[in-house]
Amino acid sequence: MMYGGEPPAGVVFERRPGLVGVRLTDVDRTLRVAVGRLVGRAEDGRDLTGAHLLLTEEYAEPTTVVAGTAADVDRWLWKRAGDDVVAWSGDPTGREAFLAAVRPPID
């Protein structure tokens, strides 16, 4: 499973408090992301328990923000650019929760 997305049937998303804003500086847009973890198994029996992100339409001020151009954020998420192309601000626990979801290899 790639980053985020609605959990499959029978899998629960346990959300942590706060939102992470992904600020795309060149297009003046901020995506709001709920961070937390999935708990449960896929229909095929794979254990999906672990860090997870969920894009949300919720309008609230993010407690943590990661910022960069759209291209840089995209390259960073795909591990084709280093951490130097994005900048972080706000609550460090939100940063750690977000990074827990994006650091493992993409399946």
PDB file of N, CA and C in Angstrom:
ATOM      1  N   MET A   1       0.849  -1.173   0.000  1.00  0.00           N
ATOM      2  CA  MET A   1       0.000   0.000   0.000  1.00  0.00           C
ATOM      3  C   MET A   1       0.893   1.234   0.000  1.00  0.00           C
ATOM      4  N   MET A   2       0.541   2.194  -0.807  1.00  0.00           N
ATOM      5  CA  MET A   2       1.281   3.448  -0.805  1.00  0.00           C
ATOM      6  C   MET A   2       0.870   4.269   0.409  1.00  0.00           C
ATOM      7  N   TYR A   3       1.424   5.453   0.495  1.00  0.00           N
ATOM      8  CA  TYR A   3       1.111   6.333   1.615  1.00  0.00           C
ATOM      9  C   TYR A   3      -0.373   6.679   1.624  1.00  0.00           C
ATOM     10  N   GLY A   4      -0.952   6.547   2.779  1.00  0.00           N
ATOM     11  CA  GLY A   4      -2.300   7.049   2.978  1.00  0.00           C
ATOM     12  C   GLY A   4      -3.388   6.277   2.277  1.00  0.00           C
ATOM     13  N   GLY A   5      -4.525   6.908   2.248  1.00  0.00           N
ATOM     14  CA  GLY A   5      -5.686   6.287   1.645  1.00  0.00           C
ATOM     15  C   GLY A   5      -6.598   5.687   2.703  1.00  0.00           C
ATOM     16  N   GLU A   6      -7.839   5.523   2.311  1.00  0.00           N
ATOM     17  CA  GLU A   6      -8.813   4.938   3.230  1.00  0.00           C
ATOM     18  C   GLU A   6      -8.419   3.504   3.553  1.00  0.00           C
ATOM     19  N   PRO A   7      -8.543   3.108   4.811  1.00  0.00           N
ATOM     20  CA  PRO A   7      -8.185   1.732   5.158  1.00  0.00           C
ATOM     21  C   PRO A   7      -9.162   0.729   4.555  1.00  0.00           C
ATOM     22  N   PRO A   8      -8.667  -0.465   4.237  1.00  0.00           N
ATOM     23  CA  PRO A   8      -9.566  -1.500   3.726  1.00  0.00           C
ATOM     24  C   PRO A   8     -10.583  -1.913   4.784  1.00  0.00           C
ATOM     25  N   ALA A   9     -11.624  -2.592   4.353  1.00  0.00           N
ATOM     26  CA  ALA A   9     -12.657  -3.096   5.269  1.00  0.00           C
ATOM     27  C   ALA A   9     -12.010  -3.935   6.362  1.00  0.00           C
ATOM     28  N   GLY A  10     -12.447  -3.722   7.585  1.00  0.00           N
ATOM     29  CA  GLY A  10     -11.950  -4.486   8.717  1.00  0.00           C
ATOM     30  C   GLY A  10     -10.666  -3.966   9.325  1.00  0.00           C
ATOM     31  N   VAL A  11     -10.098  -2.908   8.740  1.00  0.00           N
ATOM     32  CA  VAL A  11      -8.868  -2.306   9.261  1.00  0.00           C
ATOM     33  C   VAL A  11      -9.234  -0.936   9.824  1.00  0.00           C
ATOM     34  N   VAL A  12      -8.726  -0.635  11.010  1.00  0.00           N
ATOM     35  CA  VAL A  12      -9.077   0.595  11.717  1.00  0.00           C
ATOM     36  C   VAL A  12      -7.931   1.600  11.634  1.00  0.00           C
ATOM     37  N   PHE A  13      -8.275   2.870  11.390  1.00  0.00           N
ATOM     38  CA  PHE A  13      -7.300   3.954  11.437  1.00  0.00           C
ATOM     39  C   PHE A  13      -7.401   4.615  12.803  1.00  0.00           C
ATOM     40  N   GLU A  14      -6.339   4.526  13.586  1.00  0.00           N
ATOM     41  CA  GLU A  14      -6.275   5.186  14.897  1.00  0.00           C
ATOM     42  C   GLU A  14      -5.525   6.498  14.713  1.00  0.00           C
ATOM     43  N   ARG A  15      -6.272   7.567  14.765  1.00  0.00           N
ATOM     44  CA  ARG A  15      -5.723   8.896  14.507  1.00  0.00           C
ATOM     45  C   ARG A  15      -5.080   9.474  15.755  1.00  0.00           C
ATOM     46  N   ARG A  16      -3.956  10.167  15.563  1.00  0.00           N
ATOM     47  CA  ARG A  16      -3.352  10.908  16.658  1.00  0.00           C
ATOM     48  C   ARG A  16      -3.844  12.353  16.557  1.00  0.00           C
ATOM     49  N   PRO A  17      -3.777  13.095  17.648  1.00  0.00           N
ATOM     50  CA  PRO A  17      -4.243  14.487  17.611  1.00  0.00           C
ATOM     51  C   PRO A  17      -3.426  15.346  16.641  1.00  0.00           C
ATOM     52  N   GLY A  18      -4.067  16.367  16.106  1.00  0.00           N
ATOM     53  CA  GLY A  18      -3.390  17.326  15.237  1.00  0.00           C
ATOM     54  C   GLY A  18      -3.412  16.913  13.778  1.00  0.00           C
ATOM     55  N   LEU A  19      -3.013  17.856  12.949  1.00  0.00           N
ATOM     56  CA  LEU A  19      -2.915  17.642  11.509  1.00  0.00           C
ATOM     57  C   LEU A  19      -1.521  18.036  11.051  1.00  0.00           C
ATOM     58  N   VAL A  20      -1.064  17.405   9.990  1.00  0.00           N
ATOM     59  CA  VAL A  20       0.161  17.834   9.329  1.00  0.00           C
ATOM     60  C   VAL A  20      -0.261  18.537   8.041  1.00  0.00           C
ATOM     61  N   GLY A  21       0.254  19.731   7.850  1.00  0.00           N
ATOM     62  CA  GLY A  21       0.012  20.451   6.602  1.00  0.00           C
ATOM     63  C   GLY A  21       1.169  20.195   5.659  1.00  0.00           C
ATOM     64  N   VAL A  22       0.857  19.824   4.438  1.00  0.00           N
ATOM     65  CA  VAL A  22       1.877  19.686   3.402  1.00  0.00           C
ATOM     66  C   VAL A  22       1.719  20.925   2.523  1.00  0.00           C
ATOM     67  N   ARG A  23       2.583  21.908   2.756  1.00  0.00           N
ATOM     68  CA  ARG A  23       2.473  23.208   2.075  1.00  0.00           C
ATOM     69  C   ARG A  23       3.275  23.170   0.786  1.00  0.00           C
ATOM     70  N   LEU A  24       2.575  23.329  -0.321  1.00  0.00           N
ATOM     71  CA  LEU A  24       3.205  23.372  -1.640  1.00  0.00           C
ATOM     72  C   LEU A  24       3.415  24.839  -1.984  1.00  0.00           C
ATOM     73  N   THR A  25       4.629  25.287  -1.773  1.00  0.00           N
ATOM     74  CA  THR A  25       4.912  26.720  -1.769  1.00  0.00           C
ATOM     75  C   THR A  25       4.740  27.389  -3.127  1.00  0.00           C
ATOM     76  N   ASP A  26       4.992  26.676  -4.210  1.00  0.00           N
ATOM     77  CA  ASP A  26       4.919  27.295  -5.531  1.00  0.00           C
ATOM     78  C   ASP A  26       3.501  27.407  -6.068  1.00  0.00           C
ATOM     79  N   VAL A  27       2.573  26.648  -5.516  1.00  0.00           N
ATOM     80  CA  VAL A  27       1.184  26.716  -5.972  1.00  0.00           C
ATOM     81  C   VAL A  27       0.253  27.242  -4.879  1.00  0.00           C
ATOM     82  N   ASP A  28       0.840  27.673  -3.776  1.00  0.00           N
ATOM     83  CA  ASP A  28       0.086  28.271  -2.673  1.00  0.00           C
ATOM     84  C   ASP A  28      -1.081  27.391  -2.231  1.00  0.00           C
ATOM     85  N   ARG A  29      -0.749  26.131  -1.939  1.00  0.00           N
ATOM     86  CA  ARG A  29      -1.778  25.183  -1.495  1.00  0.00           C
ATOM     87  C   ARG A  29      -1.234  24.382  -0.325  1.00  0.00           C
ATOM     88  N   THR A  30      -2.095  24.111   0.657  1.00  0.00           N
ATOM     89  CA  THR A  30      -1.720  23.265   1.785  1.00  0.00           C
ATOM     90  C   THR A  30      -2.690  22.095   1.865  1.00  0.00           C
ATOM     91  N   LEU A  31      -2.141  20.895   1.763  1.00  0.00           N
ATOM     92  CA  LEU A  31      -2.928  19.678   1.942  1.00  0.00           C
ATOM     93  C   LEU A  31      -2.921  19.338   3.421  1.00  0.00           C
ATOM     94  N   ARG A  32      -4.052  18.941   3.954  1.00  0.00           N
ATOM     95  CA  ARG A  32      -4.143  18.577   5.367  1.00  0.00           C
ATOM     96  C   ARG A  32      -4.174  17.061   5.481  1.00  0.00           C
ATOM     97  N   VAL A  33      -3.292  16.548   6.348  1.00  0.00           N
ATOM     98  CA  VAL A  33      -3.112  15.112   6.478  1.00  0.00           C
ATOM     99  C   VAL A  33      -3.267  14.708   7.939  1.00  0.00           C
ATOM    100  N   ALA A  34      -4.158  13.748   8.185  1.00  0.00           N
ATOM    101  CA  ALA A  34      -4.275  13.147   9.518  1.00  0.00           C
ATOM    102  C   ALA A  34      -3.223  12.058   9.611  1.00  0.00           C
ATOM    103  N   VAL A  35      -2.554  11.982  10.746  1.00  0.00           N
ATOM    104  CA  VAL A  35      -1.535  10.956  10.947  1.00  0.00           C
ATOM    105  C   VAL A  35      -1.973  10.018  12.057  1.00  0.00           C
ATOM    106  N   GLY A  36      -1.542   8.795  11.951  1.00  0.00           N
ATOM    107  CA  GLY A  36      -1.896   7.805  12.953  1.00  0.00           C
ATOM    108  C   GLY A  36      -1.367   6.453  12.538  1.00  0.00           C
ATOM    109  N   ARG A  37      -2.168   5.414  12.824  1.00  0.00           N
ATOM    110  CA  ARG A  37      -1.741   4.071  12.450  1.00  0.00           C
ATOM    111  C   ARG A  37      -2.936   3.212  12.086  1.00  0.00           C
ATOM    112  N   LEU A  38      -2.669   2.264  11.217  1.00  0.00           N
ATOM    113  CA  LEU A  38      -3.664   1.257  10.881  1.00  0.00           C
ATOM    114  C   LEU A  38      -3.507   0.096  11.841  1.00  0.00           C
ATOM    115  N   VAL A  39      -4.620  -0.543  12.158  1.00  0.00           N
ATOM    116  CA  VAL A  39      -4.600  -1.749  12.984  1.00  0.00           C
ATOM    117  C   VAL A  39      -5.510  -2.761  12.310  1.00  0.00           C
ATOM    118  N   GLY A  40      -4.943  -3.890  11.902  1.00  0.00           N
ATOM    119  CA  GLY A  40      -5.746  -4.949  11.315  1.00  0.00           C
ATOM    120  C   GLY A  40      -5.067  -5.625  10.149  1.00  0.00           C
ATOM    121  N   ARG A  41      -5.803  -6.545   9.559  1.00  0.00           N
ATOM    122  CA  ARG A  41      -5.284  -7.354   8.453  1.00  0.00           C
ATOM    123  C   ARG A  41      -6.103  -7.131   7.184  1.00  0.00           C
ATOM    124  N   ALA A  42      -5.427  -7.193   6.057  1.00  0.00           N
ATOM    125  CA  ALA A  42      -6.083  -7.124   4.757  1.00  0.00           C
ATOM    126  C   ALA A  42      -6.863  -8.410   4.524  1.00  0.00           C
ATOM    127  N   GLU A  43      -7.743  -8.402   3.551  1.00  0.00           N
ATOM    128  CA  GLU A  43      -8.529  -9.597   3.233  1.00  0.00           C
ATOM    129  C   GLU A  43      -7.651 -10.797   2.909  1.00  0.00           C
ATOM    130  N   ASP A  44      -6.457 -10.544   2.359  1.00  0.00           N
ATOM    131  CA  ASP A  44      -5.561 -11.652   2.012  1.00  0.00           C
ATOM    132  C   ASP A  44      -4.716 -12.120   3.200  1.00  0.00           C
ATOM    133  N   GLY A  45      -4.961 -11.531   4.380  1.00  0.00           N
ATOM    134  CA  GLY A  45      -4.273 -11.960   5.592  1.00  0.00           C
ATOM    135  C   GLY A  45      -3.031 -11.157   5.958  1.00  0.00           C
ATOM    136  N   ARG A  46      -2.575 -10.269   5.053  1.00  0.00           N
ATOM    137  CA  ARG A  46      -1.400  -9.450   5.381  1.00  0.00           C
ATOM    138  C   ARG A  46      -1.703  -8.526   6.542  1.00  0.00           C
ATOM    139  N   ASP A  47      -0.756  -8.443   7.469  1.00  0.00           N
ATOM    140  CA  ASP A  47      -0.901  -7.533   8.605  1.00  0.00           C
ATOM    141  C   ASP A  47      -0.583  -6.122   8.133  1.00  0.00           C
ATOM    142  N   LEU A  48      -1.538  -5.224   8.216  1.00  0.00           N
ATOM    143  CA  LEU A  48      -1.361  -3.839   7.791  1.00  0.00           C
ATOM    144  C   LEU A  48      -1.087  -2.905   8.963  1.00  0.00           C
ATOM    145  N   THR A  49      -0.914  -3.440  10.149  1.00  0.00           N
ATOM    146  CA  THR A  49      -0.698  -2.613  11.324  1.00  0.00           C
ATOM    147  C   THR A  49       0.583  -1.797  11.159  1.00  0.00           C
ATOM    148  N   GLY A  50       0.455  -0.490  11.339  1.00  0.00           N
ATOM    149  CA  GLY A  50       1.618   0.384  11.242  1.00  0.00           C
ATOM    150  C   GLY A  50       1.212   1.813  10.960  1.00  0.00           C
ATOM    151  N   ALA A  51       2.210   2.686  10.888  1.00  0.00           N
ATOM    152  CA  ALA A  51       1.987   4.112  10.659  1.00  0.00           C
ATOM    153  C   ALA A  51       1.230   4.338   9.353  1.00  0.00           C
ATOM    154  N   HIS A  52       0.359   5.363   9.351  1.00  0.00           N
ATOM    155  CA  HIS A  52      -0.483   5.612   8.191  1.00  0.00           C
ATOM    156  C   HIS A  52      -0.858   7.087   8.118  1.00  0.00           C
ATOM    157  N   LEU A  53      -1.144   7.560   6.923  1.00  0.00           N
ATOM    158  CA  LEU A  53      -1.585   8.936   6.671  1.00  0.00           C
ATOM    159  C   LEU A  53      -2.935   8.902   5.979  1.00  0.00           C
ATOM    160  N   LEU A  54      -3.733   9.919   6.258  1.00  0.00           N
ATOM    161  CA  LEU A  54      -5.033  10.037   5.604  1.00  0.00           C
ATOM    162  C   LEU A  54      -5.245  11.484   5.187  1.00  0.00           C
ATOM    163  N   LEU A  55      -5.374  11.732   3.892  1.00  0.00           N
ATOM    164  CA  LEU A  55      -5.683  13.063   3.398  1.00  0.00           C
ATOM    165  C   LEU A  55      -7.073  13.425   3.895  1.00  0.00           C
ATOM    166  N   THR A  56      -7.234  14.625   4.410  1.00  0.00           N
ATOM    167  CA  THR A  56      -8.529  15.017   4.954  1.00  0.00           C
ATOM    168  C   THR A  56      -8.955  16.369   4.398  1.00  0.00           C
ATOM    169  N   GLU A  57     -10.241  16.563   4.300  1.00  0.00           N
ATOM    170  CA  GLU A  57     -10.803  17.853   3.892  1.00  0.00           C
ATOM    171  C   GLU A  57     -11.085  18.723   5.121  1.00  0.00           C
ATOM    172  N   GLU A  58     -10.758  18.196   6.285  1.00  0.00           N
ATOM    173  CA  GLU A  58     -10.987  18.917   7.537  1.00  0.00           C
ATOM    174  C   GLU A  58     -10.290  20.272   7.486  1.00  0.00           C
ATOM    175  N   TYR A  59     -11.014  21.298   7.857  1.00  0.00           N
ATOM    176  CA  TYR A  59     -10.402  22.617   7.872  1.00  0.00           C
ATOM    177  C   TYR A  59     -10.027  22.959   9.306  1.00  0.00           C
ATOM    178  N   ALA A  60      -8.769  22.838   9.576  1.00  0.00           N
ATOM    179  CA  ALA A  60      -8.209  23.208  10.873  1.00  0.00           C
ATOM    180  C   ALA A  60      -6.753  23.572  10.622  1.00  0.00           C
ATOM    181  N   GLU A  61      -6.217  24.394  11.483  1.00  0.00           N
ATOM    182  CA  GLU A  61      -4.807  24.763  11.343  1.00  0.00           C
ATOM    183  C   GLU A  61      -3.932  23.554  11.638  1.00  0.00           C
ATOM    184  N   PRO A  62      -3.017  23.218  10.741  1.00  0.00           N
ATOM    185  CA  PRO A  62      -2.092  22.127  11.021  1.00  0.00           C
ATOM    186  C   PRO A  62      -1.209  22.457  12.225  1.00  0.00           C
ATOM    187  N   THR A  63      -0.904  21.446  13.015  1.00  0.00           N
ATOM    188  CA  THR A  63      -0.010  21.624  14.157  1.00  0.00           C
ATOM    189  C   THR A  63       1.449  21.428  13.751  1.00  0.00           C
ATOM    190  N   THR A  64       1.644  20.795  12.594  1.00  0.00           N
ATOM    191  CA  THR A  64       2.967  20.563  12.021  1.00  0.00           C
ATOM    192  C   THR A  64       2.873  20.854  10.532  1.00  0.00           C
ATOM    193  N   VAL A  65       3.924  21.440   9.964  1.00  0.00           N
ATOM    194  CA  VAL A  65       3.915  21.736   8.531  1.00  0.00           C
ATOM    195  C   VAL A  65       5.233  21.278   7.912  1.00  0.00           C
ATOM    196  N   VAL A  66       5.121  20.606   6.767  1.00  0.00           N
ATOM    197  CA  VAL A  66       6.269  20.308   5.914  1.00  0.00           C
ATOM    198  C   VAL A  66       6.035  21.114   4.636  1.00  0.00           C
ATOM    199  N   ALA A  67       7.048  21.858   4.200  1.00  0.00           N
ATOM    200  CA  ALA A  67       6.869  22.775   3.077  1.00  0.00           C
ATOM    201  C   ALA A  67       7.966  22.606   2.034  1.00  0.00           C
ATOM    202  N   GLY A  68       7.569  22.814   0.797  1.00  0.00           N
ATOM    203  CA  GLY A  68       8.492  22.798  -0.334  1.00  0.00           C
ATOM    204  C   GLY A  68       7.693  22.982  -1.600  1.00  0.00           C
ATOM    205  N   THR A  69       8.383  23.123  -2.710  1.00  0.00           N
ATOM    206  CA  THR A  69       7.663  23.208  -3.974  1.00  0.00           C
ATOM    207  C   THR A  69       6.973  21.872  -4.222  1.00  0.00           C
ATOM    208  N   ALA A  70       5.960  21.883  -5.059  1.00  0.00           N
ATOM    209  CA  ALA A  70       5.235  20.650  -5.364  1.00  0.00           C
ATOM    210  C   ALA A  70       6.191  19.589  -5.917  1.00  0.00           C
ATOM    211  N   ALA A  71       7.077  19.989  -6.801  1.00  0.00           N
ATOM    212  CA  ALA A  71       8.025  19.037  -7.392  1.00  0.00           C
ATOM    213  C   ALA A  71       8.979  18.485  -6.337  1.00  0.00           C
ATOM    214  N   ASP A  72       9.470  19.353  -5.454  1.00  0.00           N
ATOM    215  CA  ASP A  72      10.406  18.893  -4.419  1.00  0.00           C
ATOM    216  C   ASP A  72       9.731  17.961  -3.421  1.00  0.00           C
ATOM    217  N   VAL A  73       8.514  18.292  -3.004  1.00  0.00           N
ATOM    218  CA  VAL A  73       7.796  17.421  -2.065  1.00  0.00           C
ATOM    219  C   VAL A  73       7.544  16.065  -2.719  1.00  0.00           C
ATOM    220  N   ASP A  74       7.139  16.078  -3.979  1.00  0.00           N
ATOM    221  CA  ASP A  74       6.904  14.832  -4.696  1.00  0.00           C
ATOM    222  C   ASP A  74       8.192  14.005  -4.779  1.00  0.00           C
ATOM    223  N   ARG A  75       9.292  14.613  -5.168  1.00  0.00           N
ATOM    224  CA  ARG A  75      10.569  13.880  -5.250  1.00  0.00           C
ATOM    225  C   ARG A  75      10.988  13.360  -3.883  1.00  0.00           C
ATOM    226  N   TRP A  76      10.770  14.149  -2.842  1.00  0.00           N
ATOM    227  CA  TRP A  76      11.140  13.751  -1.477  1.00  0.00           C
ATOM    228  C   TRP A  76      10.312  12.545  -1.026  1.00  0.00           C
ATOM    229  N   LEU A  77       9.008  12.593  -1.274  1.00  0.00           N
ATOM    230  CA  LEU A  77       8.151  11.475  -0.880  1.00  0.00           C
ATOM    231  C   LEU A  77       8.519  10.184  -1.612  1.00  0.00           C
ATOM    232  N   TRP A  78       8.949  10.306  -2.863  1.00  0.00           N
ATOM    233  CA  TRP A  78       9.356   9.135  -3.649  1.00  0.00           C
ATOM    234  C   TRP A  78      10.825   8.770  -3.407  1.00  0.00           C
ATOM    235  N   LYS A  79      11.457   9.436  -2.438  1.00  0.00           N
ATOM    236  CA  LYS A  79      12.845   9.152  -2.060  1.00  0.00           C
ATOM    237  C   LYS A  79      13.821   9.405  -3.209  1.00  0.00           C
ATOM    238  N   ARG A  80      13.522  10.445  -3.988  1.00  0.00           N
ATOM    239  CA  ARG A  80      14.393  10.838  -5.076  1.00  0.00           C
ATOM    240  C   ARG A  80      15.046  12.188  -4.814  1.00  0.00           C
ATOM    241  N   ALA A  81      14.873  12.662  -3.575  1.00  0.00           N
ATOM    242  CA  ALA A  81      15.515  13.893  -3.117  1.00  0.00           C
ATOM    243  C   ALA A  81      15.730  13.761  -1.614  1.00  0.00           C
ATOM    244  N   GLY A  82      16.729  14.448  -1.116  1.00  0.00           N
ATOM    245  CA  GLY A  82      17.042  14.392   0.305  1.00  0.00           C
ATOM    246  C   GLY A  82      16.146  15.290   1.132  1.00  0.00           C
ATOM    247  N   ASP A  83      16.323  15.205   2.437  1.00  0.00           N
ATOM    248  CA  ASP A  83      15.520  15.988   3.382  1.00  0.00           C
ATOM    249  C   ASP A  83      15.749  17.494   3.243  1.00  0.00           C
ATOM    250  N   ASP A  84      16.806  17.886   2.554  1.00  0.00           N
ATOM    251  CA  ASP A  84      17.118  19.309   2.421  1.00  0.00           C
ATOM    252  C   ASP A  84      16.163  20.061   1.496  1.00  0.00           C
ATOM    253  N   VAL A  85      15.305  19.360   0.752  1.00  0.00           N
ATOM    254  CA  VAL A  85      14.381  20.044  -0.167  1.00  0.00           C
ATOM    255  C   VAL A  85      13.067  20.426   0.502  1.00  0.00           C
ATOM    256  N   VAL A  86      12.870  19.991   1.747  1.00  0.00           N
ATOM    257  CA  VAL A  86      11.660  20.366   2.481  1.00  0.00           C
ATOM    258  C   VAL A  86      12.060  21.042   3.796  1.00  0.00           C
ATOM    259  N   ALA A  87      11.145  21.832   4.319  1.00  0.00           N
ATOM    260  CA  ALA A  87      11.366  22.513   5.603  1.00  0.00           C
ATOM    261  C   ALA A  87      10.215  22.169   6.534  1.00  0.00           C
ATOM    262  N   TRP A  88      10.541  21.951   7.799  1.00  0.00           N
ATOM    263  CA  TRP A  88       9.542  21.586   8.811  1.00  0.00           C
ATOM    264  C   TRP A  88       9.344  22.723   9.802  1.00  0.00           C
ATOM    265  N   SER A  89       8.113  22.833  10.308  1.00  0.00           N
ATOM    266  CA  SER A  89       7.827  23.752  11.405  1.00  0.00           C
ATOM    267  C   SER A  89       6.710  23.154  12.253  1.00  0.00           C
ATOM    268  N   GLY A  90       6.595  23.647  13.470  1.00  0.00           N
ATOM    269  CA  GLY A  90       5.514  23.205  14.339  1.00  0.00           C
ATOM    270  C   GLY A  90       5.891  22.059  15.252  1.00  0.00           C
ATOM    271  N   ASP A  91       4.881  21.307  15.640  1.00  0.00           N
ATOM    272  CA  ASP A  91       4.998  20.239  16.630  1.00  0.00           C
ATOM    273  C   ASP A  91       5.882  19.092  16.126  1.00  0.00           C
ATOM    274  N   PRO A  92       6.995  18.812  16.808  1.00  0.00           N
ATOM    275  CA  PRO A  92       7.883  17.733  16.351  1.00  0.00           C
ATOM    276  C   PRO A  92       7.258  16.345  16.440  1.00  0.00           C
ATOM    277  N   THR A  93       6.263  16.132  17.292  1.00  0.00           N
ATOM    278  CA  THR A  93       5.641  14.800  17.347  1.00  0.00           C
ATOM    279  C   THR A  93       4.831  14.532  16.084  1.00  0.00           C
ATOM    280  N   GLY A  94       4.248  15.563  15.493  1.00  0.00           N
ATOM    281  CA  GLY A  94       3.563  15.412  14.211  1.00  0.00           C
ATOM    282  C   GLY A  94       4.549  15.054  13.114  1.00  0.00           C
ATOM    283  N   ARG A  95       5.711  15.683  13.155  1.00  0.00           N
ATOM    284  CA  ARG A  95       6.759  15.371  12.177  1.00  0.00           C
ATOM    285  C   ARG A  95       7.167  13.906  12.288  1.00  0.00           C
ATOM    286  N   GLU A  96       7.410  13.446  13.496  1.00  0.00           N
ATOM    287  CA  GLU A  96       7.839  12.057  13.700  1.00  0.00           C
ATOM    288  C   GLU A  96       6.763  11.069  13.251  1.00  0.00           C
ATOM    289  N   ALA A  97       5.494  11.384  13.522  1.00  0.00           N
ATOM    290  CA  ALA A  97       4.397  10.504  13.101  1.00  0.00           C
ATOM    291  C   ALA A  97       4.294  10.466  11.578  1.00  0.00           C
ATOM    292  N   PHE A  98       4.461  11.603  10.927  1.00  0.00           N
ATOM    293  CA  PHE A  98       4.421  11.672   9.463  1.00  0.00           C
ATOM    294  C   PHE A  98       5.594  10.885   8.876  1.00  0.00           C
ATOM    295  N   LEU A  99       6.784  11.104   9.422  1.00  0.00           N
ATOM    296  CA  LEU A  99       7.966  10.417   8.911  1.00  0.00           C
ATOM    297  C   LEU A  99       7.871   8.899   9.121  1.00  0.00           C
ATOM    298  N   ALA A 100       7.233   8.470  10.207  1.00  0.00           N
ATOM    299  CA  ALA A 100       7.069   7.027  10.438  1.00  0.00           C
ATOM    300  C   ALA A 100       6.286   6.389   9.298  1.00  0.00           C
ATOM    301  N   ALA A 101       5.379   7.150   8.702  1.00  0.00           N
ATOM    302  CA  ALA A 101       4.574   6.617   7.600  1.00  0.00           C
ATOM    303  C   ALA A 101       5.296   6.682   6.258  1.00  0.00           C
ATOM    304  N   VAL A 102       6.176   7.661   6.071  1.00  0.00           N
ATOM    305  CA  VAL A 102       6.793   7.826   4.744  1.00  0.00           C
ATOM    306  C   VAL A 102       8.220   7.286   4.661  1.00  0.00           C
ATOM    307  N   ARG A 103       8.840   6.923   5.758  1.00  0.00           N
ATOM    308  CA  ARG A 103      10.218   6.430   5.718  1.00  0.00           C
ATOM    309  C   ARG A 103      10.349   4.995   5.208  1.00  0.00           C
ATOM    310  N   PRO A 104       9.448   4.076   5.555  1.00  0.00           N
ATOM    311  CA  PRO A 104       9.605   2.697   5.053  1.00  0.00           C
ATOM    312  C   PRO A 104       9.503   2.664   3.529  1.00  0.00           C
ATOM    313  N   PRO A 105      10.060   1.623   2.903  1.00  0.00           N
ATOM    314  CA  PRO A 105       9.940   1.489   1.438  1.00  0.00           C
ATOM    315  C   PRO A 105       8.478   1.402   1.011  1.00  0.00           C
ATOM    316  N   ILE A 106       8.189   1.852  -0.183  1.00  0.00           N
ATOM    317  CA  ILE A 106       6.828   1.798  -0.731  1.00  0.00           C
ATOM    318  C   ILE A 106       6.593   0.386  -1.254  1.00  0.00           C
ATOM    319  N   ASP A 107       5.486  -0.230  -0.825  1.00  0.00           N
ATOM    320  CA  ASP A 107       5.142  -1.582  -1.299  1.00  0.00           C
ATOM    321  C   ASP A 107       4.329  -1.505  -2.563  1.00  0.00           C
TER     322      ASP A 107
END
